[in-house]
Amino acid sequence: MFEQARCWIDGSIMPASEAKVSVFDHGFLYGDGVFEGVRFYNRKAFRLPLHLKRLQRSAAALQLAIPLTAVELAQAVAETIAASPLDEGYLRIIVTRGVGVLGINPATCKQPSVIIIADQLQMVSDAQREQGVRAIIASTRRLTPDRLDSRIKSLNYLNAILARMEANYAGVEEAILLNDRGCVAEGTADNLFIVSDGMLLTPPATEGALAGITRQTVLELAATNGIPAREAVLTPYDLYNADECFLTGTGAKLIPVREIDGRKMAECPGTRYQQLMQAFVVLIQQETNA
């Protein structure tokens, strides 16, 4: 299963089958840590500086000191990609609180640990990307900023996992989470966009959405391609009446949605989705072929 996966752990590179983490690492014990998912194409990480900046901000919010500079992290990423047999794949950059005693007190962890995994990640099949996925609105709610800010990309994904379990039980591919006010936050591991009357809309991070790198890239591509776009507070009513809907994320890339709670989208894959997907592919080649 992990034959092609390679790991960089605190300066050492090894096959995933040989990788080990202490059972006393607080990232493993309590989800005390942060991470970034990064795609690499043509053996080059896509938009790595933006990911490293977000990693630093997530860590700062948790008072977690990353033991490497951004330059050193970029070098570690390059070494991991070089050790991988893949020309195109997915990187998981993880910073854990490190090894400590049992108990949640982070003060017992003296040295944070950095792990980078290079492997493949396919969130949907080619057929699903072509036809669109089906989604439900989950009963699980996204945590509010006063509980856990969605901009912190932490190792604790239980909230999203519970929503994904609801999707599994419903026999669909994705779930959409609302916040405590009943407004749309995001998917289980991706940001959400709709198109309504020609306008591209996406919930702001203050509604419980991750400040996604791919989300921001899509907004930039919309601007350069003459597509009107803005952040907007959305409710299920807006989703049910949308002309198009699609999901974005480093793992997801762009995925069209064909159905939400049994209600079919007017277009799937939609005109705006196809336009942005084509622009996204071009951008990847432009930024990773050099």
Protein backbone atom coordinates (compact mmCIF):
# COMPACT_ATOMS: atom_id res chain seq x y z
CA MET A 1 0.00 0.00 0.00
CA PHE A 2 2.81 2.42 0.88
CA GLU A 3 5.53 1.16 -1.49
CA GLN A 4 6.00 4.56 -3.14
CA ALA A 5 5.64 6.68 -0.01
CA ARG A 6 8.71 8.38 1.44
CA CYS A 7 9.07 10.12 4.81
CA TRP A 8 11.34 12.83 6.15
CA ILE A 9 11.40 12.69 9.95
CA ASP A 10 13.49 15.23 11.83
CA GLY A 11 16.20 15.21 9.18
CA SER A 12 16.17 11.56 8.13
CA ILE A 13 14.57 10.21 4.94
CA MET A 14 13.22 6.69 4.77
CA PRO A 15 10.54 4.53 3.12
CA ALA A 16 7.17 4.88 4.84
CA SER A 17 7.38 1.22 5.89
CA GLU A 18 10.34 2.12 8.11
CA ALA A 19 8.92 5.34 9.56
CA LYS A 20 8.20 5.41 13.29
CA VAL A 21 6.74 7.96 15.70
CA SER A 22 6.90 7.66 19.48
CA VAL A 23 3.69 6.59 21.19
CA PHE A 24 4.38 9.47 23.61
CA ASP A 25 4.32 12.11 20.86
CA HIS A 26 1.51 14.52 21.74
CA GLY A 27 0.54 14.81 18.11
CA PHE A 28 -0.33 11.12 18.21
CA LEU A 29 -1.78 11.17 21.72
CA TYR A 30 -3.86 14.36 21.56
CA GLY A 31 -3.79 15.78 18.04
CA ASP A 32 -1.51 18.52 19.38
CA GLY A 33 0.10 19.77 16.22
CA VAL A 34 -0.46 21.38 12.84
CA PHE A 35 -0.06 20.33 9.24
CA GLU A 36 -0.16 21.38 5.61
CA GLY A 37 -1.08 19.44 2.50
CA VAL A 38 0.93 20.43 -0.58
CA ARG A 39 0.73 19.12 -4.13
CA PHE A 40 3.86 18.67 -6.21
CA TYR A 41 3.93 18.57 -9.99
CA ASN A 42 6.94 17.98 -12.24
CA ARG A 43 8.82 17.25 -8.99
CA LYS A 44 8.22 20.79 -7.72
CA ALA A 45 5.96 21.84 -4.83
CA PHE A 46 3.05 24.03 -5.92
CA ARG A 47 2.73 27.35 -4.07
CA LEU A 48 4.92 26.13 -1.21
CA PRO A 49 5.65 29.59 0.29
CA LEU A 50 1.91 30.16 0.84
CA HIS A 51 1.59 26.78 2.57
CA LEU A 52 4.60 27.41 4.80
CA LYS A 53 3.23 30.81 5.77
CA ARG A 54 -0.10 29.24 6.76
CA LEU A 55 1.74 26.50 8.66
CA GLN A 56 3.60 29.15 10.64
CA ARG A 57 0.38 30.99 11.43
CA SER A 58 -1.35 27.79 12.59
CA ALA A 59 1.64 26.99 14.80
CA ALA A 60 1.76 30.52 16.22
CA ALA A 61 -1.90 30.29 17.22
CA LEU A 62 -1.04 27.15 19.23
CA GLN A 63 2.23 28.58 20.63
CA LEU A 64 4.01 25.77 18.83
CA ALA A 65 7.59 26.63 17.84
CA ILE A 66 8.52 25.11 14.49
CA PRO A 67 12.17 24.01 14.89
CA LEU A 68 13.03 24.85 11.26
CA THR A 69 13.03 28.11 9.34
CA ALA A 70 10.92 28.48 6.19
CA VAL A 71 14.10 28.05 4.12
CA GLU A 72 15.01 24.86 6.00
CA LEU A 73 11.47 23.52 5.61
CA ALA A 74 11.59 24.22 1.87
CA GLN A 75 14.89 22.35 1.64
CA ALA A 76 13.42 19.41 3.54
CA VAL A 77 10.47 19.38 1.14
CA ALA A 78 12.86 19.38 -1.84
CA GLU A 79 14.82 16.48 -0.33
CA THR A 80 11.63 14.51 0.24
CA ILE A 81 10.44 15.04 -3.33
CA ALA A 82 13.90 14.08 -4.63
CA ALA A 83 13.71 10.82 -2.65
CA SER A 84 10.23 10.03 -3.99
CA PRO A 85 9.79 7.94 -7.14
CA LEU A 86 6.78 10.11 -8.06
CA ASP A 87 6.88 13.01 -10.52
CA GLU A 88 3.50 14.15 -9.25
CA GLY A 89 2.06 13.59 -5.80
CA TYR A 90 0.99 14.92 -2.44
CA LEU A 91 3.02 16.10 0.53
CA ARG A 92 1.89 16.15 4.14
CA ILE A 93 4.00 18.49 6.29
CA ILE A 94 3.37 17.85 9.99
CA VAL A 95 4.66 19.64 13.08
CA THR A 96 3.81 17.91 16.34
CA ARG A 97 4.29 19.18 19.89
CA GLY A 98 6.78 16.34 20.32
CA VAL A 99 7.36 13.66 22.93
CA GLY A 100 6.06 14.28 26.44
CA VAL A 101 4.61 12.45 29.39
CA LEU A 102 1.05 11.15 29.47
CA GLY A 103 -1.32 14.01 30.16
CA ILE A 104 -2.28 16.95 28.01
CA ASN A 105 0.16 19.51 29.46
CA PRO A 106 2.23 20.70 26.46
CA ALA A 107 4.96 21.97 28.80
CA THR A 108 6.25 18.39 29.13
CA CYS A 109 7.12 18.34 25.40
CA LYS A 110 10.64 19.71 25.02
CA GLN A 111 11.23 19.40 21.27
CA PRO A 112 8.65 19.65 18.46
CA SER A 113 8.93 17.10 15.67
CA VAL A 114 8.70 17.70 11.92
CA ILE A 115 7.49 15.01 9.54
CA ILE A 116 7.05 15.21 5.77
CA ILE A 117 5.30 12.46 3.83
CA ALA A 118 5.37 12.18 0.03
CA ASP A 119 2.76 9.87 -1.49
CA GLN A 120 -0.20 9.81 -3.83
CA LEU A 121 -3.64 11.14 -2.90
CA GLN A 122 -6.77 10.76 -5.01
CA MET A 123 -9.87 12.00 -3.24
CA VAL A 124 -12.29 11.09 -6.02
CA SER A 125 -12.15 8.87 -9.09
CA ASP A 126 -11.72 10.26 -12.59
CA ALA A 127 -15.35 9.35 -13.29
CA GLN A 128 -16.58 11.24 -10.22
CA ARG A 129 -14.54 14.30 -11.17
CA GLU A 130 -16.11 14.18 -14.64
CA GLN A 131 -19.70 13.53 -13.50
CA GLY A 132 -19.65 15.41 -10.21
CA VAL A 133 -20.11 14.14 -6.68
CA ARG A 134 -23.21 13.96 -4.52
CA ALA A 135 -23.31 15.73 -1.17
CA ILE A 136 -25.50 16.07 1.89
CA ILE A 137 -25.69 18.83 4.48
CA ALA A 138 -24.40 17.19 7.65
CA SER A 139 -25.98 17.49 11.08
CA THR A 140 -22.45 17.82 12.47
CA ARG A 141 -21.68 21.53 12.85
CA ARG A 142 -18.37 23.28 12.23
CA LEU A 143 -16.79 24.65 15.40
CA THR A 144 -16.98 28.42 15.83
CA PRO A 145 -13.88 30.67 16.08
CA ASP A 146 -14.37 31.16 19.82
CA ARG A 147 -14.02 27.38 20.23
CA LEU A 148 -11.42 26.48 17.60
CA ASP A 149 -10.67 28.87 14.76
CA SER A 150 -11.04 27.17 11.38
CA ARG A 151 -7.90 28.94 10.17
CA ILE A 152 -5.82 26.71 12.46
CA LYS A 153 -5.01 23.62 10.40
CA SER A 154 -4.58 21.30 13.36
CA LEU A 155 -4.12 17.53 13.57
CA ASN A 156 -7.59 17.16 15.10
CA TYR A 157 -10.04 16.45 12.27
CA LEU A 158 -12.73 14.64 14.26
CA ASN A 159 -15.31 17.29 13.41
CA ALA A 160 -14.82 16.65 9.69
CA ILE A 161 -14.56 12.89 10.15
CA LEU A 162 -17.96 12.75 11.87
CA ALA A 163 -19.48 14.65 8.93
CA ARG A 164 -17.79 12.33 6.44
CA MET A 165 -19.26 9.37 8.32
CA GLU A 166 -22.70 10.91 7.76
CA ALA A 167 -21.94 11.06 4.04
CA ASN A 168 -20.90 7.40 4.11
CA TYR A 169 -24.14 6.40 5.84
CA ALA A 170 -26.13 8.39 3.27
CA GLY A 171 -24.30 6.68 0.41
CA VAL A 172 -22.89 9.92 -1.04
CA GLU A 173 -19.36 11.20 -1.58
CA GLU A 174 -19.25 14.39 0.47
CA ALA A 175 -20.82 16.30 3.34
CA ILE A 176 -21.21 20.05 3.78
CA LEU A 177 -20.90 21.49 7.26
CA LEU A 178 -22.87 24.46 8.57
CA ASN A 179 -21.82 26.65 11.47
CA ASP A 180 -23.87 27.12 14.64
CA ARG A 181 -25.98 29.80 12.92
CA GLY A 182 -26.96 27.47 10.10
CA CYS A 183 -24.73 29.16 7.53
CA VAL A 184 -22.47 27.24 5.18
CA ALA A 185 -18.88 26.72 6.33
CA GLU A 186 -17.17 24.20 4.02
CA GLY A 187 -16.93 20.55 3.01
CA THR A 188 -15.25 17.91 5.14
CA ALA A 189 -11.79 18.59 3.69
CA ASP A 190 -12.42 21.28 1.11
CA ASN A 191 -13.78 24.76 0.54
CA LEU A 192 -17.06 25.31 -1.26
CA PHE A 193 -18.01 27.58 -4.15
CA ILE A 194 -21.35 28.16 -5.83
CA VAL A 195 -22.29 30.10 -8.95
CA SER A 196 -25.50 32.10 -8.71
CA ASP A 197 -26.66 34.38 -11.54
CA GLY A 198 -23.13 34.38 -12.93
CA MET A 199 -21.51 35.37 -9.60
CA LEU A 200 -18.94 33.08 -7.98
CA LEU A 201 -19.54 32.93 -4.21
CA THR A 202 -17.68 31.30 -1.34
CA PRO A 203 -18.10 31.54 2.46
CA PRO A 204 -15.53 33.68 4.33
CA ALA A 205 -13.22 32.07 6.88
CA THR A 206 -15.18 33.81 9.64
CA GLU A 207 -18.09 31.46 8.87
CA GLY A 208 -15.97 28.41 9.73
CA ALA A 209 -14.15 27.83 6.45
CA LEU A 210 -10.46 27.12 6.16
CA ALA A 211 -8.53 29.94 4.48
CA GLY A 212 -7.69 27.55 1.66
CA ILE A 213 -4.71 28.04 -0.66
CA THR A 214 -6.61 26.52 -3.59
CA ARG A 215 -9.64 28.63 -2.63
CA GLN A 216 -7.52 31.77 -2.87
CA THR A 217 -6.02 30.56 -6.15
CA VAL A 218 -9.51 30.09 -7.62
CA LEU A 219 -10.48 33.62 -6.57
CA GLU A 220 -7.33 34.93 -8.27
CA LEU A 221 -8.09 32.95 -11.42
CA ALA A 222 -11.64 34.28 -11.42
CA ALA A 223 -10.31 37.84 -11.33
CA THR A 224 -7.87 37.26 -14.20
CA ASN A 225 -10.55 35.52 -16.29
CA GLY A 226 -13.24 38.14 -15.87
CA ILE A 227 -15.46 36.06 -13.59
CA PRO A 228 -17.19 38.16 -10.91
CA ALA A 229 -16.49 36.65 -7.49
CA ARG A 230 -16.79 37.53 -3.82
CA GLU A 231 -17.05 36.09 -0.35
CA ALA A 232 -20.63 35.77 0.89
CA VAL A 233 -22.56 34.29 3.79
CA LEU A 234 -24.51 31.34 2.37
CA THR A 235 -27.32 29.15 3.70
CA PRO A 236 -28.68 25.82 2.44
CA TYR A 237 -31.27 27.84 0.47
CA ASP A 238 -28.42 29.34 -1.57
CA LEU A 239 -26.96 25.91 -2.25
CA TYR A 240 -30.29 24.46 -3.35
CA ASN A 241 -30.83 27.34 -5.77
CA ALA A 242 -27.29 27.57 -7.14
CA ASP A 243 -26.55 27.11 -10.83
CA GLU A 244 -23.25 25.39 -10.06
CA CYS A 245 -21.37 24.10 -7.04
CA PHE A 246 -17.83 22.83 -6.71
CA LEU A 247 -15.27 22.04 -4.03
CA THR A 248 -11.65 23.13 -3.84
CA GLY A 249 -8.65 22.04 -1.84
CA THR A 250 -5.07 20.87 -2.12
CA GLY A 251 -6.19 17.28 -1.93
CA ALA A 252 -9.40 17.83 -3.86
CA LYS A 253 -8.04 20.26 -6.49
CA LEU A 254 -11.42 21.20 -8.07
CA ILE A 255 -14.38 18.79 -7.80
CA PRO A 256 -17.82 19.56 -9.28
CA VAL A 257 -20.92 18.81 -7.21
CA ARG A 258 -23.93 17.47 -9.08
CA GLU A 259 -26.38 17.02 -6.22
CA ILE A 260 -26.96 18.36 -2.67
CA ASP A 261 -29.54 16.68 -0.43
CA GLY A 262 -31.08 15.08 -3.52
CA ARG A 263 -31.43 18.41 -5.33
CA LYS A 264 -29.61 18.43 -8.66
CA MET A 265 -27.49 21.37 -9.73
CA ALA A 266 -28.63 23.16 -12.88
CA GLU A 267 -25.17 22.56 -14.41
CA CYS A 268 -22.56 19.90 -13.66
CA PRO A 269 -19.81 20.21 -14.59
CA GLY A 270 -20.78 23.86 -14.90
CA THR A 271 -19.48 26.47 -17.32
CA ARG A 272 -17.62 28.43 -14.64
CA TYR A 273 -16.17 25.27 -13.13
CA GLN A 274 -14.78 24.14 -16.48
CA GLN A 275 -13.35 27.57 -17.20
CA LEU A 276 -11.62 27.73 -13.83
CA MET A 277 -10.42 24.13 -13.99
CA GLN A 278 -8.74 24.78 -17.33
CA ALA A 279 -7.11 27.93 -15.94
CA PHE A 280 -5.98 26.00 -12.86
CA VAL A 281 -4.26 23.33 -14.97
CA VAL A 282 -2.49 26.01 -17.00
CA LEU A 283 -1.35 27.78 -13.83
CA ILE A 284 0.13 24.56 -12.41
CA GLN A 285 2.18 24.05 -15.56
CA GLN A 286 3.32 27.67 -15.56
CA GLU A 287 4.48 27.57 -11.94
CA THR A 288 6.04 24.08 -11.84
CA ASN A 289 7.64 23.67 -15.26
CA ALA A 290 10.40 26.21 -14.71
